[in-house]
């Protein structure tokens, strides 16, 4: 996947279509990831647009690699 595609803002409908998940399930996952601080959320009534906080996700993956390496 291209960096531009990863950093792009998408709404729930667009993400659901790309992942093949229902809009309801997609919305729940996005809320969870947003609550963890891994997504940017921009509200533009009546929609919310989501994008990945790339720096934070990269940091999380570094920690994950360290933990897995110790198992």
PDB file of N, CA and C in Angstrom:
ATOM      1  N   UNK A   1       0.838  -1.178   0.000  1.00  0.00           N
ATOM      2  CA  UNK A   1       0.000   0.000   0.000  1.00  0.00           C
ATOM      3  C   UNK A   1       0.884   1.243   0.000  1.00  0.00           C
ATOM      4  N   UNK A   2       0.525   2.208  -0.799  1.00  0.00           N
ATOM      5  CA  UNK A   2       1.287   3.448  -0.918  1.00  0.00           C
ATOM      6  C   UNK A   2       1.114   4.317   0.331  1.00  0.00           C
ATOM      7  N   UNK A   3       2.143   5.101   0.666  1.00  0.00           N
ATOM      8  CA  UNK A   3       2.087   5.986   1.831  1.00  0.00           C
ATOM      9  C   UNK A   3       0.923   6.965   1.718  1.00  0.00           C
ATOM     10  N   UNK A   4       0.682   7.495   0.521  1.00  0.00           N
ATOM     11  CA  UNK A   4      -0.416   8.440   0.325  1.00  0.00           C
ATOM     12  C   UNK A   4      -1.753   7.784   0.659  1.00  0.00           C
ATOM     13  N   UNK A   5      -1.888   6.512   0.320  1.00  0.00           N
ATOM     14  CA  UNK A   5      -3.124   5.775   0.605  1.00  0.00           C
ATOM     15  C   UNK A   5      -3.297   5.583   2.110  1.00  0.00           C
ATOM     16  N   UNK A   6      -2.206   5.314   2.811  1.00  0.00           N
ATOM     17  CA  UNK A   6      -2.251   5.096   4.257  1.00  0.00           C
ATOM     18  C   UNK A   6      -2.604   6.386   4.986  1.00  0.00           C
ATOM     19  N   UNK A   7      -2.079   7.506   4.540  1.00  0.00           N
ATOM     20  CA  UNK A   7      -2.285   8.781   5.229  1.00  0.00           C
ATOM     21  C   UNK A   7      -3.589   9.479   4.847  1.00  0.00           C
ATOM     22  N   UNK A   8      -4.306   8.935   3.902  1.00  0.00           N
ATOM     23  CA  UNK A   8      -5.526   9.544   3.391  1.00  0.00           C
ATOM     24  C   UNK A   8      -6.648   9.515   4.436  1.00  0.00           C
ATOM     25  N   UNK A   9      -7.452  10.576   4.469  1.00  0.00           N
ATOM     26  CA  UNK A   9      -8.634  10.609   5.331  1.00  0.00           C
ATOM     27  C   UNK A   9      -9.779   9.867   4.649  1.00  0.00           C
ATOM     28  N   UNK A  10     -10.436   9.011   5.415  1.00  0.00           N
ATOM     29  CA  UNK A  10     -11.582   8.273   4.893  1.00  0.00           C
ATOM     30  C   UNK A  10     -12.702   8.284   5.918  1.00  0.00           C
ATOM     31  N   UNK A  11     -13.941   8.180   5.431  1.00  0.00           N
ATOM     32  CA  UNK A  11     -15.059   8.065   6.361  1.00  0.00           C
ATOM     33  C   UNK A  11     -15.398   6.584   6.574  1.00  0.00           C
ATOM     34  N   UNK A  12     -16.326   6.313   7.483  1.00  0.00           N
ATOM     35  CA  UNK A  12     -16.669   4.933   7.837  1.00  0.00           C
ATOM     36  C   UNK A  12     -17.097   4.142   6.603  1.00  0.00           C
ATOM     37  N   UNK A  13     -17.913   4.734   5.765  1.00  0.00           N
ATOM     38  CA  UNK A  13     -18.417   4.035   4.571  1.00  0.00           C
ATOM     39  C   UNK A  13     -17.263   3.612   3.664  1.00  0.00           C
ATOM     40  N   UNK A  14     -16.327   4.520   3.421  1.00  0.00           N
ATOM     41  CA  UNK A  14     -15.188   4.211   2.550  1.00  0.00           C
ATOM     42  C   UNK A  14     -14.324   3.096   3.137  1.00  0.00           C
ATOM     43  N   UNK A  15     -14.080   3.161   4.441  1.00  0.00           N
ATOM     44  CA  UNK A  15     -13.251   2.146   5.096  1.00  0.00           C
ATOM     45  C   UNK A  15     -13.966   0.799   5.085  1.00  0.00           C
ATOM     46  N   UNK A  16     -15.268   0.803   5.346  1.00  0.00           N
ATOM     47  CA  UNK A  16     -16.049  -0.435   5.320  1.00  0.00           C
ATOM     48  C   UNK A  16     -15.982  -1.082   3.936  1.00  0.00           C
ATOM     49  N   UNK A  17     -16.116  -0.285   2.899  1.00  0.00           N
ATOM     50  CA  UNK A  17     -16.044  -0.814   1.532  1.00  0.00           C
ATOM     51  C   UNK A  17     -14.669  -1.395   1.233  1.00  0.00           C
ATOM     52  N   UNK A  18     -13.606  -0.726   1.675  1.00  0.00           N
ATOM     53  CA  UNK A  18     -12.244  -1.196   1.402  1.00  0.00           C
ATOM     54  C   UNK A  18     -11.912  -2.475   2.164  1.00  0.00           C
ATOM     55  N   UNK A  19     -12.504  -2.638   3.359  1.00  0.00           N
ATOM     56  CA  UNK A  19     -12.183  -3.800   4.191  1.00  0.00           C
ATOM     57  C   UNK A  19     -13.171  -4.946   4.032  1.00  0.00           C
ATOM     58  N   UNK A  20     -14.333  -4.661   3.472  1.00  0.00           N
ATOM     59  CA  UNK A  20     -15.352  -5.695   3.333  1.00  0.00           C
ATOM     60  C   UNK A  20     -16.127  -5.939   4.625  1.00  0.00           C
ATOM     61  N   UNK A  21     -15.954  -5.064   5.611  1.00  0.00           N
ATOM     62  CA  UNK A  21     -16.689  -5.192   6.872  1.00  0.00           C
ATOM     63  C   UNK A  21     -17.965  -4.361   6.803  1.00  0.00           C
ATOM     64  N   UNK A  22     -18.897  -4.670   7.706  1.00  0.00           N
ATOM     65  CA  UNK A  22     -20.113  -3.858   7.788  1.00  0.00           C
ATOM     66  C   UNK A  22     -19.758  -2.479   8.333  1.00  0.00           C
ATOM     67  N   UNK A  23     -20.618  -1.512   8.066  1.00  0.00           N
ATOM     68  CA  UNK A  23     -20.367  -0.161   8.574  1.00  0.00           C
ATOM     69  C   UNK A  23     -20.405  -0.147  10.096  1.00  0.00           C
ATOM     70  N   UNK A  24     -21.287  -0.950  10.689  1.00  0.00           N
ATOM     71  CA  UNK A  24     -21.398  -1.011  12.142  1.00  0.00           C
ATOM     72  C   UNK A  24     -20.110  -1.535  12.770  1.00  0.00           C
ATOM     73  N   UNK A  25     -19.589  -2.635  12.246  1.00  0.00           N
ATOM     74  CA  UNK A  25     -18.350  -3.213  12.776  1.00  0.00           C
ATOM     75  C   UNK A  25     -17.171  -2.271  12.537  1.00  0.00           C
ATOM     76  N   UNK A  26     -17.129  -1.668  11.369  1.00  0.00           N
ATOM     77  CA  UNK A  26     -16.064  -0.711  11.053  1.00  0.00           C
ATOM     78  C   UNK A  26     -16.093   0.456  12.030  1.00  0.00           C
ATOM     79  N   UNK A  27     -17.273   0.969  12.303  1.00  0.00           N
ATOM     80  CA  UNK A  27     -17.421   2.087  13.228  1.00  0.00           C
ATOM     81  C   UNK A  27     -16.927   1.718  14.624  1.00  0.00           C
ATOM     82  N   UNK A  28     -17.239   0.509  15.076  1.00  0.00           N
ATOM     83  CA  UNK A  28     -16.783   0.067  16.400  1.00  0.00           C
ATOM     84  C   UNK A  28     -15.265  -0.038  16.453  1.00  0.00           C
ATOM     85  N   UNK A  29     -14.671  -0.590  15.406  1.00  0.00           N
ATOM     86  CA  UNK A  29     -13.209  -0.705  15.354  1.00  0.00           C
ATOM     87  C   UNK A  29     -12.558   0.679  15.331  1.00  0.00           C
ATOM     88  N   UNK A  30     -13.118   1.595  14.559  1.00  0.00           N
ATOM     89  CA  UNK A  30     -12.559   2.944  14.472  1.00  0.00           C
ATOM     90  C   UNK A  30     -12.662   3.675  15.809  1.00  0.00           C
ATOM     91  N   UNK A  31     -13.769   3.493  16.506  1.00  0.00           N
ATOM     92  CA  UNK A  31     -13.922   4.102  17.832  1.00  0.00           C
ATOM     93  C   UNK A  31     -12.869   3.554  18.784  1.00  0.00           C
ATOM     94  N   UNK A  32     -12.661   2.245  18.759  1.00  0.00           N
ATOM     95  CA  UNK A  32     -11.659   1.603  19.615  1.00  0.00           C
ATOM     96  C   UNK A  32     -10.259   2.142  19.311  1.00  0.00           C
ATOM     97  N   UNK A  33      -9.890   2.178  18.038  1.00  0.00           N
ATOM     98  CA  UNK A  33      -8.564   2.674  17.643  1.00  0.00           C
ATOM     99  C   UNK A  33      -8.405   4.160  17.964  1.00  0.00           C
ATOM    100  N   UNK A  34      -9.473   4.908  17.805  1.00  0.00           N
ATOM    101  CA  UNK A  34      -9.443   6.333  18.137  1.00  0.00           C
ATOM    102  C   UNK A  34      -9.257   6.531  19.642  1.00  0.00           C
ATOM    103  N   UNK A  35      -9.968   5.735  20.441  1.00  0.00           N
ATOM    104  CA  UNK A  35      -9.839   5.811  21.901  1.00  0.00           C
ATOM    105  C   UNK A  35      -8.424   5.469  22.354  1.00  0.00           C
ATOM    106  N   UNK A  36      -7.736   4.613  21.603  1.00  0.00           N
ATOM    107  CA  UNK A  36      -6.346   4.262  21.907  1.00  0.00           C
ATOM    108  C   UNK A  36      -5.367   5.347  21.461  1.00  0.00           C
ATOM    109  N   UNK A  37      -5.867   6.329  20.720  1.00  0.00           N
ATOM    110  CA  UNK A  37      -5.017   7.425  20.259  1.00  0.00           C
ATOM    111  C   UNK A  37      -4.253   7.119  18.987  1.00  0.00           C
ATOM    112  N   UNK A  38      -4.717   6.120  18.228  1.00  0.00           N
ATOM    113  CA  UNK A  38      -4.006   5.713  17.017  1.00  0.00           C
ATOM    114  C   UNK A  38      -4.566   6.343  15.740  1.00  0.00           C
ATOM    115  N   UNK A  39      -5.679   7.063  15.869  1.00  0.00           N
ATOM    116  CA  UNK A  39      -6.297   7.690  14.700  1.00  0.00           C
ATOM    117  C   UNK A  39      -6.544   9.172  14.940  1.00  0.00           C
ATOM    118  N   UNK A  40      -6.430   9.939  13.878  1.00  0.00           N
ATOM    119  CA  UNK A  40      -6.912  11.317  13.867  1.00  0.00           C
ATOM    120  C   UNK A  40      -8.373  11.253  13.448  1.00  0.00           C
ATOM    121  N   UNK A  41      -9.200  12.071  14.071  1.00  0.00           N
ATOM    122  CA  UNK A  41     -10.614  12.122  13.703  1.00  0.00           C
ATOM    123  C   UNK A  41     -10.982  13.580  13.447  1.00  0.00           C
ATOM    124  N   UNK A  42     -11.526  13.809  12.262  1.00  0.00           N
ATOM    125  CA  UNK A  42     -11.977  15.155  11.896  1.00  0.00           C
ATOM    126  C   UNK A  42     -13.472  15.087  11.618  1.00  0.00           C
ATOM    127  N   UNK A  43     -14.225  15.914  12.317  1.00  0.00           N
ATOM    128  CA  UNK A  43     -15.677  15.927  12.143  1.00  0.00           C
ATOM    129  C   UNK A  43     -16.059  17.008  11.149  1.00  0.00           C
ATOM    130  N   UNK A  44     -16.847  16.594  10.190  1.00  0.00           N
ATOM    131  CA  UNK A  44     -17.422  17.515   9.206  1.00  0.00           C
ATOM    132  C   UNK A  44     -18.850  17.038   9.004  1.00  0.00           C
ATOM    133  N   UNK A  45     -19.769  17.629   9.780  1.00  0.00           N
ATOM    134  CA  UNK A  45     -21.147  17.134   9.860  1.00  0.00           C
ATOM    135  C   UNK A  45     -21.699  16.801   8.485  1.00  0.00           C
ATOM    136  N   UNK A  46     -22.348  15.672   8.369  1.00  0.00           N
ATOM    137  CA  UNK A  46     -22.633  14.664   9.387  1.00  0.00           C
ATOM    138  C   UNK A  46     -21.573  13.553   9.451  1.00  0.00           C
ATOM    139  N   UNK A  47     -20.426  13.760   8.875  1.00  0.00           N
ATOM    140  CA  UNK A  47     -19.417  12.701   8.769  1.00  0.00           C
ATOM    141  C   UNK A  47     -18.250  12.898   9.726  1.00  0.00           C
ATOM    142  N   UNK A  48     -17.560  11.791   9.978  1.00  0.00           N
ATOM    143  CA  UNK A  48     -16.265  11.814  10.650  1.00  0.00           C
ATOM    144  C   UNK A  48     -15.267  11.236   9.657  1.00  0.00           C
ATOM    145  N   UNK A  49     -14.115  11.864   9.563  1.00  0.00           N
ATOM    146  CA  UNK A  49     -13.062  11.386   8.684  1.00  0.00           C
ATOM    147  C   UNK A  49     -11.897  10.913   9.538  1.00  0.00           C
ATOM    148  N   UNK A  50     -11.395   9.735   9.213  1.00  0.00           N
ATOM    149  CA  UNK A  50     -10.343   9.101  10.000  1.00  0.00           C
ATOM    150  C   UNK A  50      -9.058   9.010   9.196  1.00  0.00           C
ATOM    151  N   UNK A  51      -7.947   9.180   9.895  1.00  0.00           N
ATOM    152  CA  UNK A  51      -6.632   8.936   9.300  1.00  0.00           C
ATOM    153  C   UNK A  51      -5.730   8.372  10.390  1.00  0.00           C
ATOM    154  N   UNK A  52      -4.721   7.647   9.965  1.00  0.00           N
ATOM    155  CA  UNK A  52      -3.808   6.989  10.899  1.00  0.00           C
ATOM    156  C   UNK A  52      -2.805   7.997  11.441  1.00  0.00           C
ATOM    157  N   UNK A  53      -2.565   7.933  12.746  1.00  0.00           N
ATOM    158  CA  UNK A  53      -1.472   8.696  13.357  1.00  0.00           C
ATOM    159  C   UNK A  53      -0.221   7.848  13.142  1.00  0.00           C
ATOM    160  N   UNK A  54       0.369   8.016  11.978  1.00  0.00           N
ATOM    161  CA  UNK A  54       1.453   7.155  11.527  1.00  0.00           C
ATOM    162  C   UNK A  54       2.603   7.074  12.527  1.00  0.00           C
ATOM    163  N   UNK A  55       3.007   8.195  13.092  1.00  0.00           N
ATOM    164  CA  UNK A  55       4.114   8.212  14.051  1.00  0.00           C
ATOM    165  C   UNK A  55       3.785   7.340  15.263  1.00  0.00           C
ATOM    166  N   UNK A  56       2.575   7.476  15.794  1.00  0.00           N
ATOM    167  CA  UNK A  56       2.170   6.700  16.964  1.00  0.00           C
ATOM    168  C   UNK A  56       2.073   5.213  16.651  1.00  0.00           C
ATOM    169  N   UNK A  57       1.569   4.873  15.479  1.00  0.00           N
ATOM    170  CA  UNK A  57       1.465   3.466  15.091  1.00  0.00           C
ATOM    171  C   UNK A  57       2.859   2.869  14.918  1.00  0.00           C
ATOM    172  N   UNK A  58       3.775   3.618  14.326  1.00  0.00           N
ATOM    173  CA  UNK A  58       5.152   3.134  14.173  1.00  0.00           C
ATOM    174  C   UNK A  58       5.785   2.876  15.533  1.00  0.00           C
ATOM    175  N   UNK A  59       5.575   3.792  16.492  1.00  0.00           N
ATOM    176  CA  UNK A  59       6.115   3.608  17.840  1.00  0.00           C
ATOM    177  C   UNK A  59       5.525   2.366  18.496  1.00  0.00           C
ATOM    178  N   UNK A  60       4.240   2.144  18.313  1.00  0.00           N
ATOM    179  CA  UNK A  60       3.585   0.960  18.858  1.00  0.00           C
ATOM    180  C   UNK A  60       4.180  -0.316  18.269  1.00  0.00           C
ATOM    181  N   UNK A  61       4.460  -0.304  16.984  1.00  0.00           N
ATOM    182  CA  UNK A  61       5.039  -1.482  16.332  1.00  0.00           C
ATOM    183  C   UNK A  61       6.456  -1.762  16.822  1.00  0.00           C
ATOM    184  N   UNK A  62       7.215  -0.725  17.134  1.00  0.00           N
ATOM    185  CA  UNK A  62       8.562  -0.905  17.689  1.00  0.00           C
ATOM    186  C   UNK A  62       8.463  -1.600  19.043  1.00  0.00           C
ATOM    187  N   UNK A  63       7.554  -1.138  19.882  1.00  0.00           N
ATOM    188  CA  UNK A  63       7.354  -1.765  21.195  1.00  0.00           C
ATOM    189  C   UNK A  63       6.900  -3.206  21.020  1.00  0.00           C
ATOM    190  N   UNK A  64       5.975  -3.433  20.115  1.00  0.00           N
ATOM    191  CA  UNK A  64       5.479  -4.784  19.827  1.00  0.00           C
ATOM    192  C   UNK A  64       6.631  -5.703  19.424  1.00  0.00           C
ATOM    193  N   UNK A  65       7.493  -5.242  18.537  1.00  0.00           N
ATOM    194  CA  UNK A  65       8.646  -6.038  18.099  1.00  0.00           C
ATOM    195  C   UNK A  65       9.563  -6.380  19.267  1.00  0.00           C
ATOM    196  N   UNK A  66       9.764  -5.427  20.168  1.00  0.00           N
ATOM    197  CA  UNK A  66      10.611  -5.678  21.343  1.00  0.00           C
ATOM    198  C   UNK A  66       9.997  -6.747  22.239  1.00  0.00           C
ATOM    199  N   UNK A  67       8.704  -6.650  22.475  1.00  0.00           N
ATOM    200  CA  UNK A  67       8.013  -7.617  23.334  1.00  0.00           C
ATOM    201  C   UNK A  67       8.047  -9.001  22.704  1.00  0.00           C
ATOM    202  N   UNK A  68       7.734  -9.088  21.438  1.00  0.00           N
ATOM    203  CA  UNK A  68       7.729 -10.378  20.737  1.00  0.00           C
ATOM    204  C   UNK A  68       9.132 -10.974  20.724  1.00  0.00           C
ATOM    205  N   UNK A  69      10.131 -10.129  20.579  1.00  0.00           N
ATOM    206  CA  UNK A  69      11.517 -10.600  20.566  1.00  0.00           C
ATOM    207  C   UNK A  69      11.949 -11.209  21.885  1.00  0.00           C
ATOM    208  N   UNK A  70      11.280 -10.841  22.972  1.00  0.00           N
ATOM    209  CA  UNK A  70      11.625 -11.362  24.296  1.00  0.00           C
ATOM    210  C   UNK A  70      10.876 -12.646  24.637  1.00  0.00           C
ATOM    211  N   UNK A  71       9.914 -13.023  23.831  1.00  0.00           N
ATOM    212  CA  UNK A  71       9.142 -14.248  24.109  1.00  0.00           C
ATOM    213  C   UNK A  71       9.881 -15.488  23.674  1.00  0.00           C
TER     214      UNK A  71
END
